[in-house]
Protein backbone atom coordinates (compact mmCIF):
# COMPACT_ATOMS: atom_id res chain seq x y z
CA MET A 1 -56.37 65.16 -197.99
CA GLN A 2 -58.94 64.60 -195.27
CA LEU A 3 -62.48 64.64 -196.53
CA GLU A 4 -64.93 66.09 -194.09
CA LEU A 5 -68.70 66.19 -193.99
CA SER A 6 -68.87 69.94 -194.98
CA THR A 7 -66.83 69.26 -198.20
CA PRO A 8 -69.56 67.50 -200.23
CA ALA A 9 -72.15 69.63 -198.50
CA LEU A 10 -70.65 72.70 -200.18
CA LEU A 11 -71.58 71.36 -203.60
CA PHE A 12 -75.09 71.19 -202.69
CA SER A 13 -75.98 74.75 -203.39
CA ALA A 14 -73.64 74.85 -206.49
CA ILE A 15 -75.28 71.72 -208.03
CA THR A 16 -78.79 73.21 -207.14
CA LEU A 17 -78.14 76.43 -208.91
CA LEU A 18 -76.80 74.47 -211.77
CA MET A 19 -79.97 72.42 -211.98
CA LEU A 20 -81.94 75.52 -211.90
CA ALA A 21 -79.99 76.87 -214.86
CA TYR A 22 -80.50 73.75 -216.85
CA THR A 23 -84.23 73.68 -216.16
CA ASN A 24 -84.51 77.25 -217.33
CA ARG A 25 -82.51 76.41 -220.56
CA PHE A 26 -84.71 73.49 -221.00
CA LEU A 27 -88.10 75.58 -220.60
CA ALA A 28 -86.84 78.38 -222.88
CA MET A 29 -85.92 75.55 -225.46
CA ALA A 30 -89.42 73.91 -225.21
CA SER A 31 -91.08 77.29 -225.78
CA LEU A 32 -88.89 77.91 -228.85
CA ILE A 33 -89.52 74.58 -230.26
CA ARG A 34 -93.49 74.97 -229.71
CA GLY A 35 -93.12 78.32 -231.57
CA LEU A 36 -91.02 76.85 -234.45
CA ASN A 37 -93.46 73.98 -234.60
CA GLU A 38 -96.33 76.03 -235.10
CA ARG A 39 -94.56 78.07 -237.86
CA TYR A 40 -93.68 74.68 -239.41
CA ARG A 41 -97.32 73.54 -239.52
CA GLU A 42 -98.18 76.77 -241.28
CA ASN A 43 -95.61 76.35 -243.85
CA PRO A 44 -94.32 72.71 -244.01
CA ASP A 45 -92.19 73.42 -246.95
CA ASP A 46 -89.83 75.69 -245.23
CA VAL A 47 -86.68 73.52 -244.87
CA LEU A 48 -84.87 76.11 -242.68
CA LEU A 49 -87.55 75.72 -239.94
CA LEU A 50 -87.11 71.79 -240.31
CA GLU A 51 -83.40 72.10 -239.81
CA GLN A 52 -83.78 74.38 -236.94
CA LEU A 53 -86.20 71.87 -235.21
CA LYS A 54 -83.63 68.99 -235.81
CA ASN A 55 -80.93 71.35 -234.31
CA LEU A 56 -83.17 72.06 -231.25
CA ARG A 57 -83.71 68.10 -230.93
CA ARG A 58 -79.96 67.75 -230.50
CA ARG A 59 -79.79 70.53 -227.97
CA VAL A 60 -82.68 69.16 -225.91
CA ASN A 61 -80.98 65.92 -225.80
CA MET A 62 -77.69 67.65 -224.54
CA ILE A 63 -79.63 69.54 -221.88
CA LYS A 64 -81.26 66.21 -220.79
CA ASN A 65 -77.75 64.71 -220.42
CA MET A 66 -76.58 67.81 -218.43
CA GLN A 67 -79.43 67.28 -216.09
CA ILE A 68 -78.63 63.45 -215.77
CA PHE A 69 -75.14 64.13 -214.79
CA GLY A 70 -76.21 66.91 -212.53
CA VAL A 71 -78.58 64.83 -210.51
CA LEU A 72 -76.01 61.96 -210.59
CA SER A 73 -73.46 64.42 -209.07
CA PHE A 74 -75.99 65.37 -206.52
CA LEU A 75 -76.80 61.85 -205.47
CA LEU A 76 -73.10 60.90 -205.33
CA CYS A 77 -72.63 63.83 -202.91
CA VAL A 78 -75.30 62.48 -200.61
CA ILE A 79 -73.61 58.94 -200.74
CA CYS A 80 -70.40 60.50 -200.08
CA MET A 81 -71.83 62.26 -196.97
CA PHE A 82 -73.31 59.12 -195.74
CA LEU A 83 -69.95 57.30 -196.18
CA ILE A 84 -68.20 60.01 -194.33
CA TYR A 85 -70.65 59.69 -191.64
CA ARG A 86 -70.09 55.90 -191.38
CA GLU A 87 -66.44 56.52 -191.34
CA ILE A 88 -65.69 54.53 -194.51
CA LYS A 89 -63.06 56.98 -195.71
CA THR A 90 -61.75 55.26 -198.94
CA ALA A 91 -65.19 54.57 -200.48
CA ALA A 92 -66.19 58.34 -199.55
CA ASN A 93 -63.04 59.64 -201.30
CA ILE A 94 -63.91 57.62 -204.32
CA VAL A 95 -67.55 58.56 -204.40
CA PHE A 96 -66.62 62.31 -204.03
CA MET A 97 -64.21 61.95 -206.90
CA LEU A 98 -67.12 60.39 -209.16
CA SER A 99 -69.40 63.25 -207.89
CA MET A 100 -66.96 65.75 -209.12
CA ILE A 101 -66.42 63.94 -212.65
CA ALA A 102 -70.15 63.71 -213.12
CA LEU A 103 -70.35 67.52 -212.43
CA LEU A 104 -67.43 68.32 -214.89
CA ILE A 105 -69.24 66.16 -217.50
CA SER A 106 -72.21 68.16 -216.98
CA LEU A 107 -70.30 71.38 -217.36
CA VAL A 108 -68.74 70.00 -220.77
CA GLU A 109 -72.13 69.42 -222.12
CA ILE A 110 -73.15 73.13 -221.42
CA ASN A 111 -69.92 74.16 -223.25
CA LEU A 112 -70.88 72.07 -226.27
CA SER A 113 -74.38 73.51 -226.38
CA THR A 114 -72.97 77.10 -226.18
CA LYS A 115 -70.57 76.35 -229.13
CA ALA A 116 -73.59 75.00 -231.07
CA LEU A 117 -75.24 78.33 -230.63
CA ASN A 118 -72.20 80.39 -231.58
CA ILE A 119 -72.02 78.46 -234.85
CA GLU A 120 -75.50 79.36 -235.47
CA LEU A 121 -75.18 82.91 -234.60
CA GLY A 122 -72.13 83.05 -236.87
CA GLY A 123 -74.17 82.09 -239.89
CA MET A 124 -76.62 84.64 -239.08
CA GLU A 125 -73.96 87.44 -238.71
CA LYS A 126 -72.55 86.49 -242.18
CA THR A 127 -76.12 86.83 -243.67
CA PHE A 128 -76.62 90.00 -241.97
CA LYS A 129 -73.36 91.66 -242.96
CA ALA A 130 -74.09 90.73 -246.56
CA SER A 131 -77.48 92.15 -246.36
CA LYS A 132 -78.77 95.62 -247.59
CA GLY A 133 -81.13 96.01 -244.68
CA PRO A 134 -81.83 99.43 -243.10
CA PHE A 135 -79.98 98.70 -239.90
CA ASN A 136 -76.89 97.23 -241.66
CA PHE A 137 -74.88 100.49 -241.27
CA ARG A 138 -75.25 100.28 -237.37
CA TYR A 139 -73.83 96.60 -237.51
CA LYS A 140 -70.86 97.49 -239.77
CA GLU A 141 -69.96 100.58 -237.69
CA SER A 142 -70.12 98.70 -234.35
CA ASN A 143 -67.65 96.15 -235.66
CA LYS A 144 -65.08 98.45 -236.94
CA PRO A 145 -62.06 98.80 -234.77
CA SER A 146 -61.62 102.02 -232.93
CA ASN A 147 -58.56 104.26 -233.97
CA SER A 148 -58.09 105.50 -230.39
């Protein structure tokens, strides 16, 4: 395969959009942590809030890792373009491969973060199904399989 200057350049827009998504996730997480921290200060005996804050700390670290690998992928793309420009083909191919690996690691991190959220949602769904709240009938009806 012949690696051209335009190949790593195509990744720039994808990596930039991915970094924007990671930043938005980080900002949303920071807002959530600040709100939970305020609630925890009001009621320091609430063990559930403390557990949520610990979980959010892990997720913030995951987002930090996603951002690090995204930036690394971006930098490796720039280095690859420089190597292609200087016509150092073997090194350019290796650096481009490393850039793609960094991008894939970044995406794996986001998959792990999403799984953590799904586990948390699953616990809330079990609690909601077991509750006798006023909106319980809506939830149970929406989860019934249709007969049609």
